[in-house]
Structures are given as C-alpha cells and as structure tokens.
C-alpha cells in the first residue's frame, strides 16, 4: 500500500475543477474538504485499527457528500459551490483507492 500524500490528493481533486473554479479555490480549501472527510471517517469508526481492510463498502458516498456540503455551508466564506462538492469528494475517494493498488 502506498503512503497517502496530501499534495497528490489535492492534485486529483483539482483535476475535477474547471479553470474558473480552480482559480477560485485554493489548496487550503481542498485540504479543508480532506479534513472534513477524515473527520467523518473517524466519527463513523472507519479509522479503527480493527476495521475491515476493505472499508470502501462502509463508505456511503452520498452521505459523505451531504456531510461535506453541510460543513462547508457553515463556512459562509467558502468559495466551493455545492455542485462542486460531489466531484471533489469522488476524486478524494478515488485517490485513496489508488493507494491500495
């Protein structure tokens, strides 16, 4: 298993954005989404040592996307639009899965 690299995750997420959105959203905003996702994993017990190695079945993508949207909505200054959340989360999840190859 490869080691998780935030820069590579950001690169994967940024690849889903339009040029306009990429110019509007800085790396810190993308890191915030990564943090929200990992906090959600922790809250749902997906980071437990004894968790099954194949946890992708445990990740309900739509629930995760809704959670990220909810958390970003609390930040009135966030430049990330609700429609941009799902592709960003999907890119993060795809990056995580690529580490297992």
N, C-alpha and C. Protein backbone atom coordinates (compact mmCIF):
# COMPACT_ATOMS: atom_id res chain seq x y z
N UNK A 1 0.84 -1.18 0.00
CA UNK A 1 0.00 0.00 0.00
C UNK A 1 0.89 1.24 0.00
N UNK A 2 0.56 2.16 -0.87
CA UNK A 2 1.32 3.41 -0.96
C UNK A 2 0.92 4.35 0.18
N UNK A 3 1.79 5.29 0.48
CA UNK A 3 1.54 6.26 1.55
C UNK A 3 0.69 7.41 1.03
N UNK A 4 -0.24 7.87 1.84
CA UNK A 4 -1.11 8.98 1.49
C UNK A 4 -0.29 10.27 1.40
N UNK A 5 -0.47 11.01 0.32
CA UNK A 5 0.22 12.28 0.12
C UNK A 5 -0.83 13.37 -0.13
N UNK A 6 -0.90 14.35 0.76
CA UNK A 6 -1.90 15.41 0.61
C UNK A 6 -1.76 16.13 -0.73
N UNK A 7 -0.52 16.38 -1.16
CA UNK A 7 -0.31 17.10 -2.43
C UNK A 7 -0.90 16.32 -3.60
N UNK A 8 -0.77 15.01 -3.57
CA UNK A 8 -1.32 14.18 -4.64
C UNK A 8 -2.85 14.15 -4.57
N UNK A 9 -3.40 14.14 -3.36
CA UNK A 9 -4.86 14.18 -3.21
C UNK A 9 -5.40 15.50 -3.75
N UNK A 10 -4.72 16.59 -3.43
CA UNK A 10 -5.13 17.91 -3.92
C UNK A 10 -5.05 17.95 -5.44
N UNK A 11 -4.00 17.39 -5.98
CA UNK A 11 -3.84 17.35 -7.44
C UNK A 11 -5.01 16.59 -8.09
N UNK A 12 -5.38 15.47 -7.51
CA UNK A 12 -6.50 14.69 -8.03
C UNK A 12 -7.81 15.46 -7.94
N UNK A 13 -8.00 16.15 -6.82
CA UNK A 13 -9.22 16.94 -6.63
C UNK A 13 -9.25 18.12 -7.60
N UNK A 14 -8.14 18.80 -7.73
CA UNK A 14 -8.06 19.97 -8.61
C UNK A 14 -8.36 19.59 -10.06
N UNK A 15 -8.03 18.37 -10.46
CA UNK A 15 -8.26 17.91 -11.82
C UNK A 15 -9.75 17.86 -12.17
N UNK A 16 -10.62 17.84 -11.16
CA UNK A 16 -12.06 17.79 -11.41
C UNK A 16 -12.66 19.18 -11.61
N UNK A 17 -11.89 20.21 -11.31
CA UNK A 17 -12.40 21.58 -11.33
C UNK A 17 -12.23 22.23 -12.70
N UNK A 18 -13.14 23.13 -13.02
CA UNK A 18 -12.98 23.95 -14.21
C UNK A 18 -11.84 24.94 -13.94
N UNK A 19 -11.37 25.58 -14.98
CA UNK A 19 -10.29 26.57 -14.81
C UNK A 19 -10.74 27.69 -13.89
N UNK A 20 -11.98 28.12 -14.03
CA UNK A 20 -12.52 29.20 -13.18
C UNK A 20 -12.56 28.76 -11.72
N UNK A 21 -13.06 27.56 -11.49
CA UNK A 21 -13.16 27.05 -10.12
C UNK A 21 -11.78 26.82 -9.53
N UNK A 22 -10.86 26.32 -10.34
CA UNK A 22 -9.50 26.07 -9.86
C UNK A 22 -8.82 27.38 -9.44
N UNK A 23 -9.11 28.45 -10.16
CA UNK A 23 -8.54 29.75 -9.81
C UNK A 23 -9.18 30.31 -8.54
N UNK A 24 -10.43 29.97 -8.30
CA UNK A 24 -11.19 30.49 -7.16
C UNK A 24 -10.90 29.72 -5.88
N UNK A 25 -10.58 28.45 -5.99
CA UNK A 25 -10.42 27.56 -4.83
C UNK A 25 -8.93 27.30 -4.60
N UNK A 26 -8.42 27.69 -3.43
CA UNK A 26 -7.01 27.45 -3.15
C UNK A 26 -6.81 26.09 -2.47
N UNK A 27 -5.56 25.70 -2.34
CA UNK A 27 -5.24 24.40 -1.76
C UNK A 27 -5.76 24.24 -0.34
N UNK A 28 -5.79 25.31 0.43
CA UNK A 28 -6.29 25.23 1.80
C UNK A 28 -7.76 24.83 1.83
N UNK A 29 -8.53 25.29 0.86
CA UNK A 29 -9.95 24.91 0.79
C UNK A 29 -10.08 23.43 0.48
N UNK A 30 -9.22 22.92 -0.39
CA UNK A 30 -9.25 21.49 -0.71
C UNK A 30 -8.78 20.66 0.48
N UNK A 31 -7.79 21.16 1.20
CA UNK A 31 -7.36 20.48 2.43
C UNK A 31 -8.48 20.45 3.46
N UNK A 32 -9.27 21.50 3.50
CA UNK A 32 -10.41 21.53 4.41
C UNK A 32 -11.38 20.39 4.08
N UNK A 33 -11.62 20.15 2.80
CA UNK A 33 -12.51 19.05 2.41
C UNK A 33 -11.90 17.72 2.84
N UNK A 34 -10.60 17.56 2.62
CA UNK A 34 -9.93 16.33 3.05
C UNK A 34 -10.08 16.14 4.56
N UNK A 35 -9.90 17.20 5.32
CA UNK A 35 -10.06 17.13 6.78
C UNK A 35 -11.49 16.74 7.16
N UNK A 36 -12.46 17.33 6.48
CA UNK A 36 -13.87 17.01 6.76
C UNK A 36 -14.12 15.53 6.48
N UNK A 37 -13.59 15.02 5.38
CA UNK A 37 -13.76 13.61 5.04
C UNK A 37 -13.14 12.72 6.10
N UNK A 38 -11.89 13.02 6.51
CA UNK A 38 -11.22 12.18 7.51
C UNK A 38 -11.89 12.28 8.87
N UNK A 39 -12.43 13.46 9.21
CA UNK A 39 -13.20 13.58 10.46
C UNK A 39 -14.45 12.70 10.39
N UNK A 40 -15.10 12.68 9.22
CA UNK A 40 -16.29 11.84 9.03
C UNK A 40 -15.91 10.37 9.19
N UNK A 41 -14.77 9.97 8.59
CA UNK A 41 -14.31 8.58 8.75
C UNK A 41 -14.15 8.25 10.24
N UNK A 42 -13.50 9.16 10.96
CA UNK A 42 -13.26 8.92 12.38
C UNK A 42 -14.58 8.83 13.15
N UNK A 43 -15.49 9.75 12.88
CA UNK A 43 -16.79 9.75 13.56
C UNK A 43 -17.60 8.48 13.28
N UNK A 44 -17.36 7.87 12.14
CA UNK A 44 -18.10 6.67 11.74
C UNK A 44 -17.31 5.38 11.96
N UNK A 45 -16.20 5.47 12.69
CA UNK A 45 -15.43 4.29 13.06
C UNK A 45 -14.65 3.66 11.92
N UNK A 46 -14.44 4.39 10.84
CA UNK A 46 -13.75 3.82 9.70
C UNK A 46 -12.23 3.90 9.81
N UNK A 47 -11.73 4.53 10.85
CA UNK A 47 -10.29 4.61 11.06
C UNK A 47 -9.82 3.68 12.17
N UNK A 48 -10.73 2.91 12.73
CA UNK A 48 -10.38 1.98 13.80
C UNK A 48 -9.39 0.95 13.29
N UNK A 49 -8.44 0.59 14.14
CA UNK A 49 -7.41 -0.39 13.80
C UNK A 49 -8.05 -1.71 13.38
N UNK A 50 -9.11 -2.10 14.06
CA UNK A 50 -9.73 -3.39 13.77
C UNK A 50 -10.75 -3.32 12.64
N UNK A 51 -10.84 -2.17 12.00
CA UNK A 51 -11.78 -2.04 10.87
C UNK A 51 -11.36 -2.98 9.76
N UNK A 52 -12.34 -3.51 9.07
CA UNK A 52 -12.08 -4.42 7.95
C UNK A 52 -11.21 -3.71 6.93
N UNK A 53 -10.26 -4.39 6.36
CA UNK A 53 -9.33 -3.79 5.39
C UNK A 53 -10.05 -3.25 4.17
N UNK A 54 -11.20 -3.81 3.85
CA UNK A 54 -11.96 -3.36 2.68
C UNK A 54 -13.13 -2.50 3.16
N UNK A 55 -12.82 -1.27 3.56
CA UNK A 55 -13.85 -0.40 4.13
C UNK A 55 -14.61 0.39 3.09
N UNK A 56 -14.26 0.28 1.81
CA UNK A 56 -14.94 1.09 0.81
C UNK A 56 -16.44 0.79 0.78
N UNK A 57 -16.83 -0.44 1.16
CA UNK A 57 -18.25 -0.78 1.22
C UNK A 57 -18.94 0.00 2.34
N UNK A 58 -18.19 0.36 3.37
CA UNK A 58 -18.75 1.08 4.51
C UNK A 58 -18.97 2.56 4.21
N UNK A 59 -18.33 3.08 3.17
CA UNK A 59 -18.44 4.49 2.86
C UNK A 59 -19.67 4.71 1.99
N UNK A 60 -20.66 5.37 2.56
CA UNK A 60 -21.83 5.76 1.79
C UNK A 60 -21.50 7.11 1.18
N UNK A 61 -21.18 7.10 -0.09
CA UNK A 61 -20.70 8.30 -0.77
C UNK A 61 -21.70 9.45 -0.68
N UNK A 62 -22.96 9.16 -0.86
CA UNK A 62 -23.96 10.23 -0.83
C UNK A 62 -24.08 10.84 0.56
N UNK A 63 -23.97 10.03 1.60
CA UNK A 63 -24.00 10.54 2.96
C UNK A 63 -22.77 11.40 3.22
N UNK A 64 -21.63 10.93 2.74
CA UNK A 64 -20.39 11.69 2.90
C UNK A 64 -20.47 13.02 2.16
N UNK A 65 -20.95 13.02 0.93
CA UNK A 65 -21.10 14.26 0.15
C UNK A 65 -22.05 15.22 0.88
N UNK A 66 -23.15 14.71 1.38
CA UNK A 66 -24.10 15.56 2.11
C UNK A 66 -23.44 16.16 3.35
N UNK A 67 -22.63 15.36 4.04
CA UNK A 67 -21.94 15.86 5.23
C UNK A 67 -20.96 16.97 4.86
N UNK A 68 -20.19 16.76 3.80
CA UNK A 68 -19.22 17.78 3.37
C UNK A 68 -19.95 19.06 2.99
N UNK A 69 -21.05 18.93 2.25
CA UNK A 69 -21.84 20.12 1.88
C UNK A 69 -22.34 20.85 3.12
N UNK A 70 -22.82 20.09 4.09
CA UNK A 70 -23.33 20.69 5.33
C UNK A 70 -22.23 21.45 6.06
N UNK A 71 -21.06 20.85 6.15
CA UNK A 71 -19.95 21.50 6.86
C UNK A 71 -19.48 22.75 6.10
N UNK A 72 -19.42 22.67 4.79
CA UNK A 72 -18.99 23.84 4.00
C UNK A 72 -20.03 24.96 4.07
N UNK A 73 -21.30 24.60 4.18
CA UNK A 73 -22.36 25.62 4.26
C UNK A 73 -22.23 26.45 5.53
N UNK A 74 -21.63 25.87 6.56
CA UNK A 74 -21.42 26.61 7.81
C UNK A 74 -20.36 27.69 7.64
N UNK A 75 -19.49 27.51 6.65
CA UNK A 75 -18.43 28.48 6.37
C UNK A 75 -18.93 29.40 5.26
N UNK A 76 -19.47 30.53 5.64
CA UNK A 76 -20.07 31.46 4.68
C UNK A 76 -19.05 32.02 3.69
N UNK A 77 -17.77 31.94 4.00
CA UNK A 77 -16.73 32.47 3.12
C UNK A 77 -16.15 31.41 2.18
N UNK A 78 -16.62 30.18 2.28
CA UNK A 78 -16.08 29.12 1.44
C UNK A 78 -16.40 29.40 -0.03
N UNK A 79 -15.39 29.34 -0.89
CA UNK A 79 -15.61 29.58 -2.32
C UNK A 79 -16.12 28.35 -3.07
N UNK A 80 -16.26 27.23 -2.37
CA UNK A 80 -16.67 25.98 -3.02
C UNK A 80 -18.19 25.94 -3.13
N UNK A 81 -18.65 25.78 -4.35
CA UNK A 81 -20.08 25.71 -4.62
C UNK A 81 -20.61 24.31 -4.32
N UNK A 82 -21.88 24.21 -3.89
CA UNK A 82 -22.43 22.88 -3.58
C UNK A 82 -22.28 21.87 -4.72
N UNK A 83 -22.43 22.31 -5.96
CA UNK A 83 -22.32 21.40 -7.10
C UNK A 83 -20.89 20.89 -7.30
N UNK A 84 -19.92 21.56 -6.74
CA UNK A 84 -18.52 21.15 -6.88
C UNK A 84 -18.11 20.10 -5.85
N UNK A 85 -18.92 19.92 -4.82
CA UNK A 85 -18.54 19.04 -3.72
C UNK A 85 -18.46 17.58 -4.15
N UNK A 86 -19.48 17.08 -4.83
CA UNK A 86 -19.50 15.66 -5.17
C UNK A 86 -18.30 15.23 -6.02
N UNK A 87 -17.94 15.97 -7.09
CA UNK A 87 -16.75 15.56 -7.84
C UNK A 87 -15.46 15.64 -7.01
N UNK A 88 -15.37 16.61 -6.11
CA UNK A 88 -14.19 16.73 -5.26
C UNK A 88 -14.09 15.54 -4.30
N UNK A 89 -15.20 15.17 -3.69
CA UNK A 89 -15.21 14.02 -2.78
C UNK A 89 -14.90 12.74 -3.56
N UNK A 90 -15.49 12.58 -4.74
CA UNK A 90 -15.24 11.40 -5.56
C UNK A 90 -13.76 11.30 -5.93
N UNK A 91 -13.13 12.43 -6.24
CA UNK A 91 -11.71 12.43 -6.58
C UNK A 91 -10.86 12.03 -5.39
N UNK A 92 -11.23 12.50 -4.22
CA UNK A 92 -10.51 12.14 -2.99
C UNK A 92 -10.64 10.64 -2.73
N UNK A 93 -11.84 10.11 -2.87
CA UNK A 93 -12.06 8.68 -2.65
C UNK A 93 -11.30 7.84 -3.69
N UNK A 94 -11.29 8.29 -4.94
CA UNK A 94 -10.56 7.58 -5.99
C UNK A 94 -9.06 7.60 -5.70
N UNK A 95 -8.58 8.73 -5.23
CA UNK A 95 -7.16 8.79 -4.87
C UNK A 95 -6.84 7.79 -3.76
N UNK A 96 -7.68 7.74 -2.73
CA UNK A 96 -7.47 6.80 -1.63
C UNK A 96 -7.44 5.36 -2.15
N UNK A 97 -8.36 5.03 -3.04
CA UNK A 97 -8.41 3.67 -3.59
C UNK A 97 -7.18 3.36 -4.43
N UNK A 98 -6.63 4.38 -5.09
CA UNK A 98 -5.44 4.16 -5.92
C UNK A 98 -4.23 3.76 -5.08
N UNK A 99 -4.25 4.10 -3.81
CA UNK A 99 -3.14 3.76 -2.92
C UNK A 99 -3.10 2.27 -2.61
N UNK A 100 -4.22 1.60 -2.76
CA UNK A 100 -4.31 0.19 -2.44
C UNK A 100 -3.82 -0.69 -3.58
N UNK A 101 -3.64 -0.10 -4.76
CA UNK A 101 -3.23 -0.88 -5.94
C UNK A 101 -1.79 -1.31 -5.86
